[in-house]
Amino acid sequence: MADDAPVLYKPAALIGHEDQQALIRQLYDNHKMPHGILLYGPKGVGKRLLAENIGWMLCCGAAADATKVRYDESSPNAPVMEHGAYGGYQVIEREKSFITVEQVRSVNAKLAMADEGWRVVIIDAADDMNTAAANALLKTLEEPQGQTVLILISHAPSKLLPTIISRCRKFRLSALNPENMQKVLSSQGAETTEAAISMAEGAPGIATELSNKASTDTVEQLNSIFQNKGRFDVSQTAEQLLKAAPAPSVAFESLLWYIAQEARKSVTEGRTDGLKWSRCHQRAQAVAADQSVYNLTAQLAMEKVLQDLQQTLHA
């Protein structure tokens, strides 16, 4: 490999999640790394970055700080990883509607040809696997080969096969506190609006996603919905939300965060309507997931969520 070859990627150091980092690092230092790791929690809190740092630490060795999951940047494997040439490190992401069995099998074949040492597979997100892919992954978990670690990222672990979950060491990642939230956003040099930061509630990935101009328009639309106590035209509002967002997923994510925020506020403010908001969020989440997975018409899916929201606001 040429020394002047361009660096394709290297993960940033993870900010926050100190307890999870310390425990994973302890497992590594004690040579007790599990073959399956499940990182779960809300979107945008750093699960992918932690997964990458685990993988790079396994492939390159660990950095000096024994409380952090971080790779040794002086390792001879580090430049190989940075140039995307390390065969034992693979990432599976959804290419179409699902993560398919062909993707899982292809990665397994690549790992079989990799040099000796750790073999790492990151699945982002494991929620996106279809049944055949999940069964193929389960077989790999049941029959792990040597120093192989599968790192599953999940936003909704209830969607995973119980047999997959049972074979993984589980780590929950929660929302970041305000101090760490600001550190992450500052380190990224991200221009984030106060509305987006407030709405993201400890998820810097969501704050960044919501801070582009189109998503700011989405936030304004959502503010109007809640300020008007549900007095809006469902079809017209659905069209406006989808038009304002850069992608349907952002529009749905924004609306879900707003509904979840109402559920949390009901608890912190001592209100009695927490259950109805929690149920509204569950129903909206199910519709948004179906729209994404089955490629349903975004307009109709958004109208369904807004109709339910309208009824909840009037209840």
C-alpha atoms as a PDB file:
ATOM      1  CA  MET A   1       0.000   0.000   0.000  1.00  0.00           C
ATOM      2  CA  ALA A   2       1.354   3.428  -0.918  1.00  0.00           C
ATOM      3  CA  ASP A   3       2.080   5.708   2.018  1.00  0.00           C
ATOM      4  CA  ASP A   4       0.367   8.605   0.263  1.00  0.00           C
ATOM      5  CA  ALA A   5      -2.861   6.686  -0.395  1.00  0.00           C
ATOM      6  CA  PRO A   6      -5.847   8.735   0.774  1.00  0.00           C
ATOM      7  CA  VAL A   7      -7.342   7.979   4.180  1.00  0.00           C
ATOM      8  CA  LEU A   8     -10.901   6.863   3.567  1.00  0.00           C
ATOM      9  CA  TYR A   9     -12.129   6.971   7.143  1.00  0.00           C
ATOM     10  CA  LYS A  10     -11.176   6.691  10.784  1.00  0.00           C
ATOM     11  CA  PRO A  11     -13.649   6.873  13.658  1.00  0.00           C
ATOM     12  CA  ALA A  12     -13.666   9.763  16.090  1.00  0.00           C
ATOM     13  CA  ALA A  13     -13.186   9.094  19.776  1.00  0.00           C
ATOM     14  CA  LEU A  14     -16.474   8.390  21.527  1.00  0.00           C
ATOM     15  CA  ILE A  15     -17.752  11.030  23.947  1.00  0.00           C
ATOM     16  CA  GLY A  16     -19.936   9.876  26.827  1.00  0.00           C
ATOM     17  CA  HIS A  17     -21.206   6.370  27.608  1.00  0.00           C
ATOM     18  CA  GLU A  18     -18.392   6.002  30.128  1.00  0.00           C
ATOM     19  CA  ASP A  19     -19.818   2.962  31.936  1.00  0.00           C
ATOM     20  CA  GLN A  20     -20.315   1.013  28.724  1.00  0.00           C
ATOM     21  CA  GLN A  21     -16.841   1.914  27.472  1.00  0.00           C
ATOM     22  CA  ALA A  22     -15.199   0.870  30.739  1.00  0.00           C
ATOM     23  CA  LEU A  23     -16.986  -2.489  30.796  1.00  0.00           C
ATOM     24  CA  ILE A  24     -16.205  -3.308  27.168  1.00  0.00           C
ATOM     25  CA  ARG A  25     -12.586  -2.298  27.664  1.00  0.00           C
ATOM     26  CA  GLN A  26     -12.407  -4.548  30.737  1.00  0.00           C
ATOM     27  CA  LEU A  27     -13.706  -7.484  28.699  1.00  0.00           C
ATOM     28  CA  TYR A  28     -11.073  -6.775  26.056  1.00  0.00           C
ATOM     29  CA  ASP A  29      -8.206  -6.426  28.521  1.00  0.00           C
ATOM     30  CA  ASN A  30      -9.228  -9.662  30.264  1.00  0.00           C
ATOM     31  CA  HIS A  31      -9.457 -11.553  26.945  1.00  0.00           C
ATOM     32  CA  LYS A  32     -13.184 -12.176  27.463  1.00  0.00           C
ATOM     33  CA  MET A  33     -14.693 -10.478  24.430  1.00  0.00           C
ATOM     34  CA  PRO A  34     -18.040 -12.070  23.548  1.00  0.00           C
ATOM     35  CA  HIS A  35     -18.695 -13.342  20.028  1.00  0.00           C
ATOM     36  CA  GLY A  36     -21.917 -11.315  19.904  1.00  0.00           C
ATOM     37  CA  ILE A  37     -22.421  -7.722  21.094  1.00  0.00           C
ATOM     38  CA  LEU A  38     -25.766  -5.916  20.960  1.00  0.00           C
ATOM     39  CA  LEU A  39     -25.659  -2.118  21.206  1.00  0.00           C
ATOM     40  CA  TYR A  40     -29.195  -0.787  21.576  1.00  0.00           C
ATOM     41  CA  GLY A  41     -30.911   2.472  22.427  1.00  0.00           C
ATOM     42  CA  PRO A  42     -32.368   5.564  20.747  1.00  0.00           C
ATOM     43  CA  LYS A  43     -31.187   6.696  17.340  1.00  0.00           C
ATOM     44  CA  GLY A  44     -28.410   9.227  17.157  1.00  0.00           C
ATOM     45  CA  VAL A  45     -26.781   8.637  20.567  1.00  0.00           C
ATOM     46  CA  GLY A  46     -23.538   7.062  19.304  1.00  0.00           C
ATOM     47  CA  LYS A  47     -24.157   3.335  18.843  1.00  0.00           C
ATOM     48  CA  ARG A  48     -22.490   3.216  15.425  1.00  0.00           C
ATOM     49  CA  LEU A  49     -19.456   5.152  16.651  1.00  0.00           C
ATOM     50  CA  LEU A  50     -19.047   2.830  19.645  1.00  0.00           C
ATOM     51  CA  ALA A  51     -19.350  -0.186  17.335  1.00  0.00           C
ATOM     52  CA  GLU A  52     -16.637   1.230  15.075  1.00  0.00           C
ATOM     53  CA  ASN A  53     -14.328   1.936  17.992  1.00  0.00           C
ATOM     54  CA  ILE A  54     -14.811  -1.616  19.292  1.00  0.00           C
ATOM     55  CA  GLY A  55     -14.001  -3.029  15.870  1.00  0.00           C
ATOM     56  CA  TRP A  56     -10.946  -0.851  15.364  1.00  0.00           C
ATOM     57  CA  MET A  57      -9.702  -1.647  18.876  1.00  0.00           C
ATOM     58  CA  LEU A  58      -9.928  -5.363  18.141  1.00  0.00           C
ATOM     59  CA  CYS A  59      -8.145  -5.030  14.803  1.00  0.00           C
ATOM     60  CA  CYS A  60      -5.470  -2.520  15.895  1.00  0.00           C
ATOM     61  CA  GLY A  61      -5.063  -3.104  19.602  1.00  0.00           C
ATOM     62  CA  ALA A  62      -6.175  -0.768  22.369  1.00  0.00           C
ATOM     63  CA  ALA A  63      -5.085   2.762  23.201  1.00  0.00           C
ATOM     64  CA  ALA A  64      -3.356   3.466  26.510  1.00  0.00           C
ATOM     65  CA  ASP A  65      -6.387   4.781  28.441  1.00  0.00           C
ATOM     66  CA  ALA A  66      -7.843   1.647  30.058  1.00  0.00           C
ATOM     67  CA  THR A  67     -11.240   3.301  30.586  1.00  0.00           C
ATOM     68  CA  LYS A  68     -11.853   4.012  26.896  1.00  0.00           C
ATOM     69  CA  VAL A  69     -12.806   1.949  23.881  1.00  0.00           C
ATOM     70  CA  ARG A  70     -10.269   3.384  21.466  1.00  0.00           C
ATOM     71  CA  TYR A  71      -7.764   1.912  19.043  1.00  0.00           C
ATOM     72  CA  ASP A  72      -3.979   2.262  19.036  1.00  0.00           C
ATOM     73  CA  GLU A  73      -3.278   4.762  16.260  1.00  0.00           C
ATOM     74  CA  SER A  74       0.376   3.661  16.150  1.00  0.00           C
ATOM     75  CA  SER A  75      -0.577   0.076  15.284  1.00  0.00           C
ATOM     76  CA  PRO A  76       0.687  -1.183  11.894  1.00  0.00           C
ATOM     77  CA  ASN A  77      -2.901  -2.201  11.190  1.00  0.00           C
ATOM     78  CA  ALA A  78      -4.193   1.362  11.682  1.00  0.00           C
ATOM     79  CA  PRO A  79      -3.231   2.662   8.201  1.00  0.00           C
ATOM     80  CA  VAL A  80      -4.587  -0.537   6.665  1.00  0.00           C
ATOM     81  CA  MET A  81      -7.919   0.111   8.386  1.00  0.00           C
ATOM     82  CA  GLU A  82      -7.863   3.794   7.447  1.00  0.00           C
ATOM     83  CA  HIS A  83      -7.476   2.874   3.778  1.00  0.00           C
ATOM     84  CA  GLY A  84     -10.294   0.321   3.935  1.00  0.00           C
ATOM     85  CA  ALA A  85      -7.979  -2.580   3.138  1.00  0.00           C
ATOM     86  CA  TYR A  86      -8.388  -4.757   6.239  1.00  0.00           C
ATOM     87  CA  GLY A  87     -10.313  -7.839   5.118  1.00  0.00           C
ATOM     88  CA  GLY A  88     -11.251  -8.901   8.634  1.00  0.00           C
ATOM     89  CA  TYR A  89     -13.412  -5.810   9.209  1.00  0.00           C
ATOM     90  CA  GLN A  90     -16.794  -5.732   7.492  1.00  0.00           C
ATOM     91  CA  VAL A  91     -19.933  -3.601   7.786  1.00  0.00           C
ATOM     92  CA  ILE A  92     -23.408  -4.692   6.707  1.00  0.00           C
ATOM     93  CA  GLU A  93     -26.000  -1.992   6.011  1.00  0.00           C
ATOM     94  CA  ARG A  94     -29.392  -2.073   4.342  1.00  0.00           C
ATOM     95  CA  GLU A  95     -29.046  -1.621   0.589  1.00  0.00           C
ATOM     96  CA  LYS A  96     -32.739  -1.712  -0.310  1.00  0.00           C
ATOM     97  CA  SER A  97     -35.754  -2.530   1.839  1.00  0.00           C
ATOM     98  CA  PHE A  98     -33.953  -5.088   4.007  1.00  0.00           C
ATOM     99  CA  ILE A  99     -30.568  -6.469   4.910  1.00  0.00           C
ATOM    100  CA  THR A 100     -30.634  -9.683   2.890  1.00  0.00           C
ATOM    101  CA  VAL A 101     -29.299 -13.176   3.411  1.00  0.00           C
ATOM    102  CA  GLU A 102     -26.993 -12.643   0.419  1.00  0.00           C
ATOM    103  CA  GLN A 103     -25.309  -9.746   2.234  1.00  0.00           C
ATOM    104  CA  VAL A 104     -24.742 -11.858   5.342  1.00  0.00           C
ATOM    105  CA  ARG A 105     -23.365 -14.770   3.321  1.00  0.00           C
ATOM    106  CA  SER A 106     -21.107 -12.473   1.288  1.00  0.00           C
ATOM    107  CA  VAL A 107     -19.553 -11.050   4.445  1.00  0.00           C
ATOM    108  CA  ASN A 108     -19.087 -14.522   5.900  1.00  0.00           C
ATOM    109  CA  ALA A 109     -17.225 -15.528   2.732  1.00  0.00           C
ATOM    110  CA  LYS A 110     -14.949 -12.468   2.948  1.00  0.00           C
ATOM    111  CA  LEU A 111     -14.155 -13.192   6.580  1.00  0.00           C
ATOM    112  CA  ALA A 112     -13.217 -16.764   5.718  1.00  0.00           C
ATOM    113  CA  MET A 113     -10.520 -15.428   3.364  1.00  0.00           C
ATOM    114  CA  ALA A 114      -9.179 -12.839   5.825  1.00  0.00           C
ATOM    115  CA  ASP A 115      -5.760 -13.082   7.432  1.00  0.00           C
ATOM    116  CA  GLU A 116      -5.345 -14.398  10.958  1.00  0.00           C
ATOM    117  CA  GLY A 117      -6.445 -12.166  13.808  1.00  0.00           C
ATOM    118  CA  TRP A 118      -9.710 -10.615  14.840  1.00  0.00           C
ATOM    119  CA  ARG A 119     -12.633 -10.691  12.428  1.00  0.00           C
ATOM    120  CA  VAL A 120     -15.282  -8.058  13.058  1.00  0.00           C
ATOM    121  CA  VAL A 121     -18.721  -7.582  11.507  1.00  0.00           C
ATOM    122  CA  ILE A 122     -20.885  -4.538  12.282  1.00  0.00           C
ATOM    123  CA  ILE A 123     -24.580  -4.838  11.386  1.00  0.00           C
ATOM    124  CA  ASP A 124     -26.282  -1.439  11.191  1.00  0.00           C
ATOM    125  CA  ALA A 125     -29.070  -1.807  11.917  1.00  0.00           C
ATOM    126  CA  ALA A 126     -29.868  -5.379  12.851  1.00  0.00           C
ATOM    127  CA  ASP A 127     -33.537  -4.313  12.916  1.00  0.00           C
ATOM    128  CA  ASP A 128     -33.366  -4.121   9.104  1.00  0.00           C
ATOM    129  CA  MET A 129     -32.635  -7.831   8.539  1.00  0.00           C
ATOM    130  CA  ASN A 130     -35.263  -9.926   6.827  1.00  0.00           C
ATOM    131  CA  THR A 131     -36.064 -13.383   8.196  1.00  0.00           C
ATOM    132  CA  ALA A 132     -33.555 -15.244   6.040  1.00  0.00           C
ATOM    133  CA  ALA A 133     -30.751 -12.837   6.955  1.00  0.00           C
ATOM    134  CA  ALA A 134     -31.600 -13.105  10.647  1.00  0.00           C
ATOM    135  CA  ASN A 135     -31.478 -16.896  10.474  1.00  0.00           C
ATOM    136  CA  ALA A 136     -28.123 -16.810   8.665  1.00  0.00           C
ATOM    137  CA  LEU A 137     -26.743 -14.465  11.302  1.00  0.00           C
ATOM    138  CA  LEU A 138     -28.080 -16.713  14.057  1.00  0.00           C
ATOM    139  CA  LYS A 139     -26.187 -19.646  12.590  1.00  0.00           C
ATOM    140  CA  THR A 140     -22.979 -17.591  12.661  1.00  0.00           C
ATOM    141  CA  LEU A 141     -23.629 -16.669  16.298  1.00  0.00           C
ATOM    142  CA  GLU A 142     -24.290 -20.296  17.176  1.00  0.00           C
ATOM    143  CA  GLU A 143     -21.103 -21.484  15.472  1.00  0.00           C
ATOM    144  CA  PRO A 144     -18.558 -18.655  15.924  1.00  0.00           C
ATOM    145  CA  GLN A 145     -15.227 -19.157  14.213  1.00  0.00           C
ATOM    146  CA  GLY A 146     -12.093 -18.227  16.177  1.00  0.00           C
ATOM    147  CA  GLN A 147     -11.680 -14.552  16.983  1.00  0.00           C
ATOM    148  CA  THR A 148     -14.917 -13.419  15.362  1.00  0.00           C
ATOM    149  CA  VAL A 149     -17.075 -10.698  16.913  1.00  0.00           C
ATOM    150  CA  LEU A 150     -20.471  -9.683  15.543  1.00  0.00           C
ATOM    151  CA  ILE A 151     -21.584  -6.215  16.668  1.00  0.00           C
ATOM    152  CA  LEU A 152     -25.306  -5.619  16.224  1.00  0.00           C
ATOM    153  CA  ILE A 153     -26.748  -2.104  16.339  1.00  0.00           C
ATOM    154  CA  SER A 154     -30.436  -1.881  17.194  1.00  0.00           C
ATOM    155  CA  HIS A 155     -32.865   0.991  17.643  1.00  0.00           C
ATOM    156  CA  ALA A 156     -35.722  -1.416  18.443  1.00  0.00           C
ATOM    157  CA  PRO A 157     -34.410  -4.722  19.890  1.00  0.00           C
ATOM    158  CA  SER A 158     -37.961  -6.061  20.192  1.00  0.00           C
ATOM    159  CA  LYS A 159     -37.772  -6.610  16.409  1.00  0.00           C
ATOM    160  CA  LEU A 160     -34.870  -9.057  16.782  1.00  0.00           C
ATOM    161  CA  LEU A 161     -35.170 -12.801  17.187  1.00  0.00           C
ATOM    162  CA  PRO A 162     -35.023 -13.713  20.902  1.00  0.00           C
ATOM    163  CA  THR A 163     -32.450 -16.367  20.013  1.00  0.00           C
ATOM    164  CA  ILE A 164     -30.179 -13.687  18.530  1.00  0.00           C
ATOM    165  CA  ILE A 165     -30.532 -11.458  21.584  1.00  0.00           C
ATOM    166  CA  SER A 166     -29.788 -14.351  23.942  1.00  0.00           C
ATOM    167  CA  ARG A 167     -26.441 -14.983  22.232  1.00  0.00           C
ATOM    168  CA  CYS A 168     -25.231 -11.391  22.570  1.00  0.00           C
ATOM    169  CA  ARG A 169     -23.763  -9.373  25.397  1.00  0.00           C
ATOM    170  CA  LYS A 170     -26.130  -6.426  25.660  1.00  0.00           C
ATOM    171  CA  PHE A 171     -25.184  -2.776  26.187  1.00  0.00           C
ATOM    172  CA  ARG A 172     -27.817  -0.050  26.349  1.00  0.00           C
ATOM    173  CA  LEU A 173     -26.788   3.436  25.237  1.00  0.00           C
ATOM    174  CA  SER A 174     -28.941   6.251  26.583  1.00  0.00           C
ATOM    175  CA  ALA A 175     -29.268   9.901  25.631  1.00  0.00           C
ATOM    176  CA  LEU A 176     -26.229  12.054  26.412  1.00  0.00           C
ATOM    177  CA  ASN A 177     -26.281  14.632  29.179  1.00  0.00           C
ATOM    178  CA  PRO A 178     -26.210  18.305  28.067  1.00  0.00           C
ATOM    179  CA  GLU A 179     -22.455  18.651  28.682  1.00  0.00           C
ATOM    180  CA  ASN A 180     -21.521  15.641  26.538  1.00  0.00           C
ATOM    181  CA  MET A 181     -24.114  16.613  23.955  1.00  0.00           C
ATOM    182  CA  GLN A 182     -22.410  19.979  23.524  1.00  0.00           C
ATOM    183  CA  LYS A 183     -18.955  18.358  23.415  1.00  0.00           C
ATOM    184  CA  VAL A 184     -20.031  16.066  20.578  1.00  0.00           C
ATOM    185  CA  LEU A 185     -21.591  18.857  18.546  1.00  0.00           C
ATOM    186  CA  SER A 186     -18.559  21.101  19.094  1.00  0.00           C
ATOM    187  CA  SER A 187     -16.143  18.346  18.084  1.00  0.00           C
ATOM    188  CA  GLN A 188     -18.085  17.848  14.857  1.00  0.00           C
ATOM    189  CA  GLY A 189     -18.097  21.551  14.070  1.00  0.00           C
ATOM    190  CA  ALA A 190     -21.778  21.083  13.416  1.00  0.00           C
ATOM    191  CA  GLU A 191     -24.039  24.092  12.989  1.00  0.00           C
ATOM    192  CA  THR A 192     -27.078  23.136  15.023  1.00  0.00           C
ATOM    193  CA  THR A 193     -30.133  25.190  15.853  1.00  0.00           C
ATOM    194  CA  GLU A 194     -31.357  25.542  19.428  1.00  0.00           C
ATOM    195  CA  ALA A 195     -34.699  24.083  18.370  1.00  0.00           C
ATOM    196  CA  ALA A 196     -33.009  20.996  16.950  1.00  0.00           C
ATOM    197  CA  ILE A 197     -30.814  20.520  20.041  1.00  0.00           C
ATOM    198  CA  SER A 198     -33.826  20.799  22.324  1.00  0.00           C
ATOM    199  CA  MET A 199     -35.870  18.450  20.194  1.00  0.00           C
ATOM    200  CA  ALA A 200     -33.082  15.848  19.930  1.00  0.00           C
ATOM    201  CA  GLU A 201     -32.881  15.524  23.732  1.00  0.00           C
ATOM    202  CA  GLY A 202     -29.431  14.021  24.095  1.00  0.00           C
ATOM    203  CA  ALA A 203     -29.059  12.501  20.625  1.00  0.00           C
ATOM    204  CA  PRO A 204     -26.401  14.513  18.750  1.00  0.00           C
ATOM    205  CA  GLY A 205     -26.954  12.529  15.565  1.00  0.00           C
ATOM    206  CA  ILE A 206     -30.590  13.605  15.531  1.00  0.00           C
ATOM    207  CA  ALA A 207     -29.689  17.229  16.352  1.00  0.00           C
ATOM    208  CA  THR A 208     -27.298  17.350  13.409  1.00  0.00           C
ATOM    209  CA  GLU A 209     -29.817  15.756  11.079  1.00  0.00           C
ATOM    210  CA  LEU A 210     -32.537  18.183  12.096  1.00  0.00           C
ATOM    211  CA  SER A 211     -30.394  21.301  11.798  1.00  0.00           C
ATOM    212  CA  ASN A 212     -30.327  21.666   8.029  1.00  0.00           C
ATOM    213  CA  LYS A 213     -32.655  24.263   6.506  1.00  0.00           C
ATOM    214  CA  ALA A 214     -35.270  21.831   5.292  1.00  0.00           C
ATOM    215  CA  SER A 215     -35.541  20.203   8.699  1.00  0.00           C
ATOM    216  CA  THR A 216     -35.827  23.598  10.370  1.00  0.00           C
ATOM    217  CA  ASP A 217     -38.918  24.099   8.221  1.00  0.00           C
ATOM    218  CA  THR A 218     -40.127  20.730   9.497  1.00  0.00           C
ATOM    219  CA  VAL A 219     -39.656  21.865  13.095  1.00  0.00           C
ATOM    220  CA  GLU A 220     -41.683  24.999  12.384  1.00  0.00           C
ATOM    221  CA  GLN A 221     -44.480  22.892  10.920  1.00  0.00           C
ATOM    222  CA  LEU A 222     -44.507  20.645  13.988  1.00  0.00           C
ATOM    223  CA  ASN A 223     -44.505  23.610  16.353  1.00  0.00           C
ATOM    224  CA  SER A 224     -47.590  24.882  14.551  1.00  0.00           C
ATOM    225  CA  ILE A 225     -49.345  21.513  14.907  1.00  0.00           C
ATOM    226  CA  PHE A 226     -48.908  21.407  18.669  1.00  0.00           C
ATOM    227  CA  GLN A 227     -49.525  25.115  19.261  1.00  0.00           C
ATOM    228  CA  ASN A 228     -52.832  24.888  17.375  1.00  0.00           C
ATOM    229  CA  LYS A 229     -53.929  21.908  19.501  1.00  0.00           C
ATOM    230  CA  GLY A 230     -54.558  19.653  16.528  1.00  0.00           C
ATOM    231  CA  ARG A 231     -56.522  22.121  14.411  1.00  0.00           C
ATOM    232  CA  PHE A 232     -54.965  21.354  11.033  1.00  0.00           C
ATOM    233  CA  ASP A 233     -55.799  19.759   7.707  1.00  0.00           C
ATOM    234  CA  VAL A 234     -54.329  16.248   7.776  1.00  0.00           C
ATOM    235  CA  SER A 235     -53.654  15.841   4.057  1.00  0.00           C
ATOM    236  CA  GLN A 236     -52.217  19.328   3.579  1.00  0.00           C
ATOM    237  CA  THR A 237     -50.025  19.099   6.690  1.00  0.00           C
ATOM    238  CA  ALA A 238     -48.687  15.694   5.657  1.00  0.00           C
ATOM    239  CA  GLU A 239     -47.732  17.105   2.263  1.00  0.00           C
ATOM    240  CA  GLN A 240     -46.044  20.146   3.845  1.00  0.00           C
ATOM    241  CA  LEU A 241     -44.044  18.053   6.339  1.00  0.00           C
ATOM    242  CA  LEU A 242     -42.777  15.713   3.642  1.00  0.00           C
ATOM    243  CA  LYS A 243     -41.939  18.608   1.325  1.00  0.00           C
ATOM    244  CA  ALA A 244     -40.022  20.484   4.048  1.00  0.00           C
ATOM    245  CA  ALA A 245     -37.863  17.508   5.018  1.00  0.00           C
ATOM    246  CA  PRO A 246     -34.904  16.323   2.905  1.00  0.00           C
ATOM    247  CA  ALA A 247     -36.260  12.770   3.061  1.00  0.00           C
ATOM    248  CA  PRO A 248     -39.439  11.080   4.358  1.00  0.00           C
ATOM    249  CA  SER A 249     -37.425   9.396   7.108  1.00  0.00           C
ATOM    250  CA  VAL A 250     -36.452  12.807   8.517  1.00  0.00           C
ATOM    251  CA  ALA A 251     -40.079  13.955   8.545  1.00  0.00           C
ATOM    252  CA  PHE A 252     -41.185  10.812  10.381  1.00  0.00           C
ATOM    253  CA  GLU A 253     -38.230  10.976  12.771  1.00  0.00           C
ATOM    254  CA  SER A 254     -39.030  14.593  13.588  1.00  0.00           C
ATOM    255  CA  LEU A 255     -42.658  13.822  14.296  1.00  0.00           C
ATOM    256  CA  LEU A 256     -41.744  10.808  16.436  1.00  0.00           C
ATOM    257  CA  TRP A 257     -39.392  12.904  18.527  1.00  0.00           C
ATOM    258  CA  TYR A 258     -42.080  15.513  19.071  1.00  0.00           C
ATOM    259  CA  ILE A 259     -44.598  12.899  20.221  1.00  0.00           C
ATOM    260  CA  ALA A 260     -42.009  11.271  22.490  1.00  0.00           C
ATOM    261  CA  GLN A 261     -41.221  14.697  23.921  1.00  0.00           C
ATOM    262  CA  GLU A 262     -44.883  15.150  24.854  1.00  0.00           C
ATOM    263  CA  ALA A 263     -44.861  11.764  26.608  1.00  0.00           C
ATOM    264  CA  ARG A 264     -41.773  12.724  28.620  1.00  0.00           C
ATOM    265  CA  LYS A 265     -43.155  16.170  29.478  1.00  0.00           C
ATOM    266  CA  SER A 266     -46.318  14.595  30.831  1.00  0.00           C
ATOM    267  CA  VAL A 267     -44.190  12.714  33.363  1.00  0.00           C
ATOM    268  CA  THR A 268     -41.862  15.562  34.356  1.00  0.00           C
ATOM    269  CA  GLU A 269     -44.760  18.025  34.647  1.00  0.00           C
ATOM    270  CA  GLY A 270     -46.919  15.629  36.661  1.00  0.00           C
ATOM    271  CA  ARG A 271     -49.652  15.449  34.030  1.00  0.00           C
ATOM    272  CA  THR A 272     -52.092  12.559  33.738  1.00  0.00           C
ATOM    273  CA  ASP A 273     -51.971  12.126  29.947  1.00  0.00           C
ATOM    274  CA  GLY A 274     -48.669  10.244  29.740  1.00  0.00           C
ATOM    275  CA  LEU A 275     -50.226   6.913  28.778  1.00  0.00           C
ATOM    276  CA  LYS A 276     -52.120   8.295  25.792  1.00  0.00           C
ATOM    277  CA  TRP A 277     -48.946   9.949  24.466  1.00  0.00           C
ATOM    278  CA  SER A 278     -46.929   6.803  24.993  1.00  0.00           C
ATOM    279  CA  ARG A 279     -49.481   4.795  23.031  1.00  0.00           C
ATOM    280  CA  CYS A 280     -49.625   7.454  20.319  1.00  0.00           C
ATOM    281  CA  HIS A 281     -45.840   7.232  19.985  1.00  0.00           C
ATOM    282  CA  GLN A 282     -45.936   3.430  19.754  1.00  0.00           C
ATOM    283  CA  ARG A 283     -48.532   3.542  16.982  1.00  0.00           C
ATOM    284  CA  ALA A 284     -46.660   6.258  15.084  1.00  0.00           C
ATOM    285  CA  GLN A 285     -43.402   4.332  15.417  1.00  0.00           C
ATOM    286  CA  ALA A 286     -45.028   1.224  13.959  1.00  0.00           C
ATOM    287  CA  VAL A 287     -46.401   3.148  10.955  1.00  0.00           C
ATOM    288  CA  ALA A 288     -43.040   4.856  10.318  1.00  0.00           C
ATOM    289  CA  ALA A 289     -41.217   1.526  10.511  1.00  0.00           C
ATOM    290  CA  ASP A 290     -43.634  -0.101   8.064  1.00  0.00           C
ATOM    291  CA  GLN A 291     -43.269   2.838   5.666  1.00  0.00           C
ATOM    292  CA  SER A 292     -39.487   2.486   5.698  1.00  0.00           C
ATOM    293  CA  VAL A 293     -39.293  -1.300   5.526  1.00  0.00           C
ATOM    294  CA  TYR A 294     -42.098  -1.958   3.046  1.00  0.00           C
ATOM    295  CA  ASN A 295     -41.596   1.236   1.007  1.00  0.00           C
ATOM    296  CA  LEU A 296     -45.203   2.353   1.537  1.00  0.00           C
ATOM    297  CA  THR A 297     -46.484   5.660   0.165  1.00  0.00           C
ATOM    298  CA  ALA A 298     -45.044   8.310   2.470  1.00  0.00           C
ATOM    299  CA  GLN A 299     -48.042  10.631   2.064  1.00  0.00           C
ATOM    300  CA  LEU A 300     -50.562   8.000   3.173  1.00  0.00           C
ATOM    301  CA  ALA A 301     -48.367   6.838   6.053  1.00  0.00           C
ATOM    302  CA  MET A 302     -47.888  10.416   7.267  1.00  0.00           C
ATOM    303  CA  GLU A 303     -51.626  11.069   7.032  1.00  0.00           C
ATOM    304  CA  LYS A 304     -52.273   8.010   9.193  1.00  0.00           C
ATOM    305  CA  VAL A 305     -49.861   9.228  11.865  1.00  0.00           C
ATOM    306  CA  LEU A 306     -51.284  12.757  11.784  1.00  0.00           C
ATOM    307  CA  GLN A 307     -54.880  11.508  12.068  1.00  0.00           C
ATOM    308  CA  ASP A 308     -53.919   9.575  15.178  1.00  0.00           C
ATOM    309  CA  LEU A 309     -52.028  12.584  16.533  1.00  0.00           C
ATOM    310  CA  GLN A 310     -55.025  14.822  15.903  1.00  0.00           C
ATOM    311  CA  GLN A 311     -57.278  12.474  17.858  1.00  0.00           C
ATOM    312  CA  THR A 312     -54.738  12.313  20.689  1.00  0.00           C
ATOM    313  CA  LEU A 313     -54.538  16.106  20.895  1.00  0.00           C
ATOM    314  CA  HIS A 314     -58.341  16.323  21.059  1.00  0.00           C
ATOM    315  CA  ALA A 315     -58.731  13.501  23.609  1.00  0.00           C
END
